[in-house]
Amino acid sequence: MSLKLYDSVQKQKIVFESLEEKKAKVYVCGPTVYDDAHLGHARSAIVFDLL
């Protein structure tokens, strides 16, 4: 079974190929803090931790 991700440039699903065997990394930038904290800030941290 392979993991497929949608590539918005190619407009199709492509097979995910890791650069390192059995390891995947995701870059997620932090929240843009320009006002008071809200639930959306917590959501982004939790969702990407679950991936």
PDB file of N, CA and C in Angstrom:
ATOM      1  N   MET A   1       0.839  -1.168   0.000  1.00  0.00           N
ATOM      2  CA  MET A   1       0.000   0.000   0.000  1.00  0.00           C
ATOM      3  C   MET A   1       0.892   1.242   0.000  1.00  0.00           C
ATOM      4  N   SER A   2       0.555   2.216  -0.797  1.00  0.00           N
ATOM      5  CA  SER A   2       1.360   3.436  -0.878  1.00  0.00           C
ATOM      6  C   SER A   2       0.522   4.643  -0.466  1.00  0.00           C
ATOM      7  N   LEU A   3       1.209   5.660  -0.003  1.00  0.00           N
ATOM      8  CA  LEU A   3       0.565   6.907   0.385  1.00  0.00           C
ATOM      9  C   LEU A   3       0.550   7.825  -0.824  1.00  0.00           C
ATOM     10  N   LYS A   4      -0.633   8.317  -1.178  1.00  0.00           N
ATOM     11  CA  LYS A   4      -0.754   9.242  -2.300  1.00  0.00           C
ATOM     12  C   LYS A   4      -1.195  10.600  -1.774  1.00  0.00           C
ATOM     13  N   LEU A   5      -0.581  11.638  -2.309  1.00  0.00           N
ATOM     14  CA  LEU A   5      -0.901  13.011  -1.945  1.00  0.00           C
ATOM     15  C   LEU A   5      -1.303  13.775  -3.194  1.00  0.00           C
ATOM     16  N   TYR A   6      -2.185  14.754  -3.032  1.00  0.00           N
ATOM     17  CA  TYR A   6      -2.606  15.556  -4.173  1.00  0.00           C
ATOM     18  C   TYR A   6      -1.569  16.635  -4.450  1.00  0.00           C
ATOM     19  N   ASP A   7      -1.085  16.669  -5.673  1.00  0.00           N
ATOM     20  CA  ASP A   7      -0.123  17.679  -6.121  1.00  0.00           C
ATOM     21  C   ASP A   7      -0.911  18.759  -6.854  1.00  0.00           C
ATOM     22  N   SER A   8      -1.001  19.940  -6.265  1.00  0.00           N
ATOM     23  CA  SER A   8      -1.797  21.008  -6.866  1.00  0.00           C
ATOM     24  C   SER A   8      -1.159  21.578  -8.131  1.00  0.00           C
ATOM     25  N   VAL A   9       0.130  21.366  -8.334  1.00  0.00           N
ATOM     26  CA  VAL A   9       0.795  21.824  -9.558  1.00  0.00           C
ATOM     27  C   VAL A   9       0.456  20.886 -10.718  1.00  0.00           C
ATOM     28  N   GLN A  10       0.588  19.572 -10.469  1.00  0.00           N
ATOM     29  CA  GLN A  10       0.296  18.582 -11.505  1.00  0.00           C
ATOM     30  C   GLN A  10      -1.197  18.276 -11.607  1.00  0.00           C
ATOM     31  N   LYS A  11      -1.961  18.724 -10.599  1.00  0.00           N
ATOM     32  CA  LYS A  11      -3.403  18.500 -10.528  1.00  0.00           C
ATOM     33  C   LYS A  11      -3.762  17.015 -10.588  1.00  0.00           C
ATOM     34  N   GLN A  12      -3.017  16.231  -9.824  1.00  0.00           N
ATOM     35  CA  GLN A  12      -3.284  14.797  -9.730  1.00  0.00           C
ATOM     36  C   GLN A  12      -2.658  14.243  -8.456  1.00  0.00           C
ATOM     37  N   LYS A  13      -3.092  13.044  -8.085  1.00  0.00           N
ATOM     38  CA  LYS A  13      -2.506  12.387  -6.918  1.00  0.00           C
ATOM     39  C   LYS A  13      -1.202  11.730  -7.338  1.00  0.00           C
ATOM     40  N   ILE A  14      -0.183  11.870  -6.496  1.00  0.00           N
ATOM     41  CA  ILE A  14       1.111  11.251  -6.776  1.00  0.00           C
ATOM     42  C   ILE A  14       1.524  10.398  -5.581  1.00  0.00           C
ATOM     43  N   VAL A  15       2.330   9.389  -5.833  1.00  0.00           N
ATOM     44  CA  VAL A  15       2.822   8.520  -4.772  1.00  0.00           C
ATOM     45  C   VAL A  15       3.892   9.261  -3.979  1.00  0.00           C
ATOM     46  N   PHE A  16       3.746   9.257  -2.658  1.00  0.00           N
ATOM     47  CA  PHE A  16       4.723   9.899  -1.783  1.00  0.00           C
ATOM     48  C   PHE A  16       5.966   9.026  -1.714  1.00  0.00           C
ATOM     49  N   GLU A  17       7.118   9.622  -1.968  1.00  0.00           N
ATOM     50  CA  GLU A  17       8.397   8.921  -1.875  1.00  0.00           C
ATOM     51  C   GLU A  17       9.279   9.676  -0.886  1.00  0.00           C
ATOM     52  N   SER A  18       9.572   9.036   0.233  1.00  0.00           N
ATOM     53  CA  SER A  18      10.368   9.661   1.279  1.00  0.00           C
ATOM     54  C   SER A  18      11.836   9.745   0.870  1.00  0.00           C
ATOM     55  N   LEU A  19      12.513  10.792   1.311  1.00  0.00           N
ATOM     56  CA  LEU A  19      13.944  10.924   1.051  1.00  0.00           C
ATOM     57  C   LEU A  19      14.751   9.975   1.926  1.00  0.00           C
ATOM     58  N   GLU A  20      14.198   9.642   3.104  1.00  0.00           N
ATOM     59  CA  GLU A  20      14.847   8.703   4.022  1.00  0.00           C
ATOM     60  C   GLU A  20      13.893   7.539   4.266  1.00  0.00           C
ATOM     61  N   GLU A  21      14.416   6.328   4.252  1.00  0.00           N
ATOM     62  CA  GLU A  21      13.582   5.146   4.438  1.00  0.00           C
ATOM     63  C   GLU A  21      12.877   5.179   5.797  1.00  0.00           C
ATOM     64  N   LYS A  22      11.580   4.929   5.767  1.00  0.00           N
ATOM     65  CA  LYS A  22      10.729   4.863   6.966  1.00  0.00           C
ATOM     66  C   LYS A  22      10.707   6.161   7.772  1.00  0.00           C
ATOM     67  N   LYS A  23      10.933   7.289   7.102  1.00  0.00           N
ATOM     68  CA  LYS A  23      10.903   8.570   7.804  1.00  0.00           C
ATOM     69  C   LYS A  23      10.316   9.635   6.879  1.00  0.00           C
ATOM     70  N   ALA A  24       9.449  10.457   7.433  1.00  0.00           N
ATOM     71  CA  ALA A  24       8.877  11.568   6.676  1.00  0.00           C
ATOM     72  C   ALA A  24       8.924  12.814   7.553  1.00  0.00           C
ATOM     73  N   LYS A  25       9.146  13.951   6.939  1.00  0.00           N
ATOM     74  CA  LYS A  25       9.214  15.211   7.672  1.00  0.00           C
ATOM     75  C   LYS A  25       8.232  16.193   7.049  1.00  0.00           C
ATOM     76  N   VAL A  26       7.649  17.030   7.900  1.00  0.00           N
ATOM     77  CA  VAL A  26       6.701  18.039   7.445  1.00  0.00           C
ATOM     78  C   VAL A  26       7.132  19.380   8.027  1.00  0.00           C
ATOM     79  N   TYR A  27       7.223  20.398   7.193  1.00  0.00           N
ATOM     80  CA  TYR A  27       7.535  21.747   7.672  1.00  0.00           C
ATOM     81  C   TYR A  27       6.225  22.503   7.835  1.00  0.00           C
ATOM     82  N   VAL A  28       6.014  23.031   9.011  1.00  0.00           N
ATOM     83  CA  VAL A  28       4.819  23.822   9.293  1.00  0.00           C
ATOM     84  C   VAL A  28       5.274  25.105   9.968  1.00  0.00           C
ATOM     85  N   CYS A  29       4.955  26.237   9.373  1.00  0.00           N
ATOM     86  CA  CYS A  29       5.354  27.496  10.001  1.00  0.00           C
ATOM     87  C   CYS A  29       4.445  27.780  11.194  1.00  0.00           C
ATOM     88  N   GLY A  30       4.907  28.595  12.085  1.00  0.00           N
ATOM     89  CA  GLY A  30       4.147  28.915  13.288  1.00  0.00           C
ATOM     90  C   GLY A  30       3.016  29.887  13.009  1.00  0.00           C
ATOM     91  N   PRO A  31       2.245  30.185  14.036  1.00  0.00           N
ATOM     92  CA  PRO A  31       1.113  31.098  13.851  1.00  0.00           C
ATOM     93  C   PRO A  31       1.588  32.530  13.596  1.00  0.00           C
ATOM     94  N   THR A  32       0.799  33.256  12.854  1.00  0.00           N
ATOM     95  CA  THR A  32       1.058  34.674  12.644  1.00  0.00           C
ATOM     96  C   THR A  32       0.376  35.419  13.784  1.00  0.00           C
ATOM     97  N   VAL A  33       1.165  35.868  14.720  1.00  0.00           N
ATOM     98  CA  VAL A  33       0.605  36.472  15.931  1.00  0.00           C
ATOM     99  C   VAL A  33       0.543  37.983  15.751  1.00  0.00           C
ATOM    100  N   TYR A  34      -0.596  38.469  15.339  1.00  0.00           N
ATOM    101  CA  TYR A  34      -0.789  39.896  15.148  1.00  0.00           C
ATOM    102  C   TYR A  34      -1.933  40.419  16.012  1.00  0.00           C
ATOM    103  N   ASP A  35      -2.568  39.515  16.749  1.00  0.00           N
ATOM    104  CA  ASP A  35      -3.692  39.889  17.595  1.00  0.00           C
ATOM    105  C   ASP A  35      -3.758  38.895  18.750  1.00  0.00           C
ATOM    106  N   ASP A  36      -4.837  38.900  19.485  1.00  0.00           N
ATOM    107  CA  ASP A  36      -4.998  37.963  20.596  1.00  0.00           C
ATOM    108  C   ASP A  36      -5.022  36.524  20.093  1.00  0.00           C
ATOM    109  N   ALA A  37      -4.579  35.606  20.953  1.00  0.00           N
ATOM    110  CA  ALA A  37      -4.609  34.179  20.616  1.00  0.00           C
ATOM    111  C   ALA A  37      -6.058  33.706  20.514  1.00  0.00           C
ATOM    112  N   HIS A  38      -6.289  32.727  19.633  1.00  0.00           N
ATOM    113  CA  HIS A  38      -7.629  32.165  19.492  1.00  0.00           C
ATOM    114  C   HIS A  38      -7.522  30.670  19.200  1.00  0.00           C
ATOM    115  N   LEU A  39      -8.642  29.995  19.131  1.00  0.00           N
ATOM    116  CA  LEU A  39      -8.679  28.545  18.979  1.00  0.00           C
ATOM    117  C   LEU A  39      -8.003  28.076  17.689  1.00  0.00           C
ATOM    118  N   GLY A  40      -8.015  28.876  16.663  1.00  0.00           N
ATOM    119  CA  GLY A  40      -7.365  28.511  15.404  1.00  0.00           C
ATOM    120  C   GLY A  40      -5.873  28.271  15.560  1.00  0.00           C
ATOM    121  N   HIS A  41      -5.225  29.013  16.449  1.00  0.00           N
ATOM    122  CA  HIS A  41      -3.797  28.805  16.704  1.00  0.00           C
ATOM    123  C   HIS A  41      -3.561  27.421  17.298  1.00  0.00           C
ATOM    124  N   ALA A  42      -4.383  27.006  18.237  1.00  0.00           N
ATOM    125  CA  ALA A  42      -4.244  25.683  18.854  1.00  0.00           C
ATOM    126  C   ALA A  42      -4.547  24.585  17.842  1.00  0.00           C
ATOM    127  N   ARG A  43      -5.546  24.804  17.001  1.00  0.00           N
ATOM    128  CA  ARG A  43      -5.931  23.797  16.012  1.00  0.00           C
ATOM    129  C   ARG A  43      -4.773  23.453  15.089  1.00  0.00           C
ATOM    130  N   SER A  44      -4.088  24.456  14.581  1.00  0.00           N
ATOM    131  CA  SER A  44      -2.990  24.181  13.649  1.00  0.00           C
ATOM    132  C   SER A  44      -1.872  23.396  14.327  1.00  0.00           C
ATOM    133  N   ALA A  45      -1.592  23.689  15.577  1.00  0.00           N
ATOM    134  CA  ALA A  45      -0.550  22.951  16.300  1.00  0.00           C
ATOM    135  C   ALA A  45      -0.958  21.500  16.514  1.00  0.00           C
ATOM    136  N   ILE A  46      -2.208  21.272  16.870  1.00  0.00           N
ATOM    137  CA  ILE A  46      -2.684  19.908  17.139  1.00  0.00           C
ATOM    138  C   ILE A  46      -2.785  19.092  15.861  1.00  0.00           C
ATOM    139  N   VAL A  47      -3.351  19.663  14.809  1.00  0.00           N
ATOM    140  CA  VAL A  47      -3.536  18.923  13.553  1.00  0.00           C
ATOM    141  C   VAL A  47      -2.200  18.441  13.002  1.00  0.00           C
ATOM    142  N   PHE A  48      -1.205  19.291  12.963  1.00  0.00           N
ATOM    143  CA  PHE A  48       0.073  18.883  12.390  1.00  0.00           C
ATOM    144  C   PHE A  48       0.844  17.952  13.312  1.00  0.00           C
ATOM    145  N   ASP A  49       0.606  18.019  14.618  1.00  0.00           N
ATOM    146  CA  ASP A  49       1.208  17.043  15.530  1.00  0.00           C
ATOM    147  C   ASP A  49       0.630  15.657  15.294  1.00  0.00           C
ATOM    148  N   LEU A  50      -0.634  15.577  14.920  1.00  0.00           N
ATOM    149  CA  LEU A  50      -1.275  14.285  14.679  1.00  0.00           C
ATOM    150  C   LEU A  50      -0.803  13.631  13.393  1.00  0.00           C
ATOM    151  N   LEU A  51      -0.374  14.432  12.430  1.00  0.00           N
ATOM    152  CA  LEU A  51       0.123  13.854  11.180  1.00  0.00           C
ATOM    153  C   LEU A  51       1.336  13.007  11.455  1.00  0.00           C
TER     154      LEU A  51
END
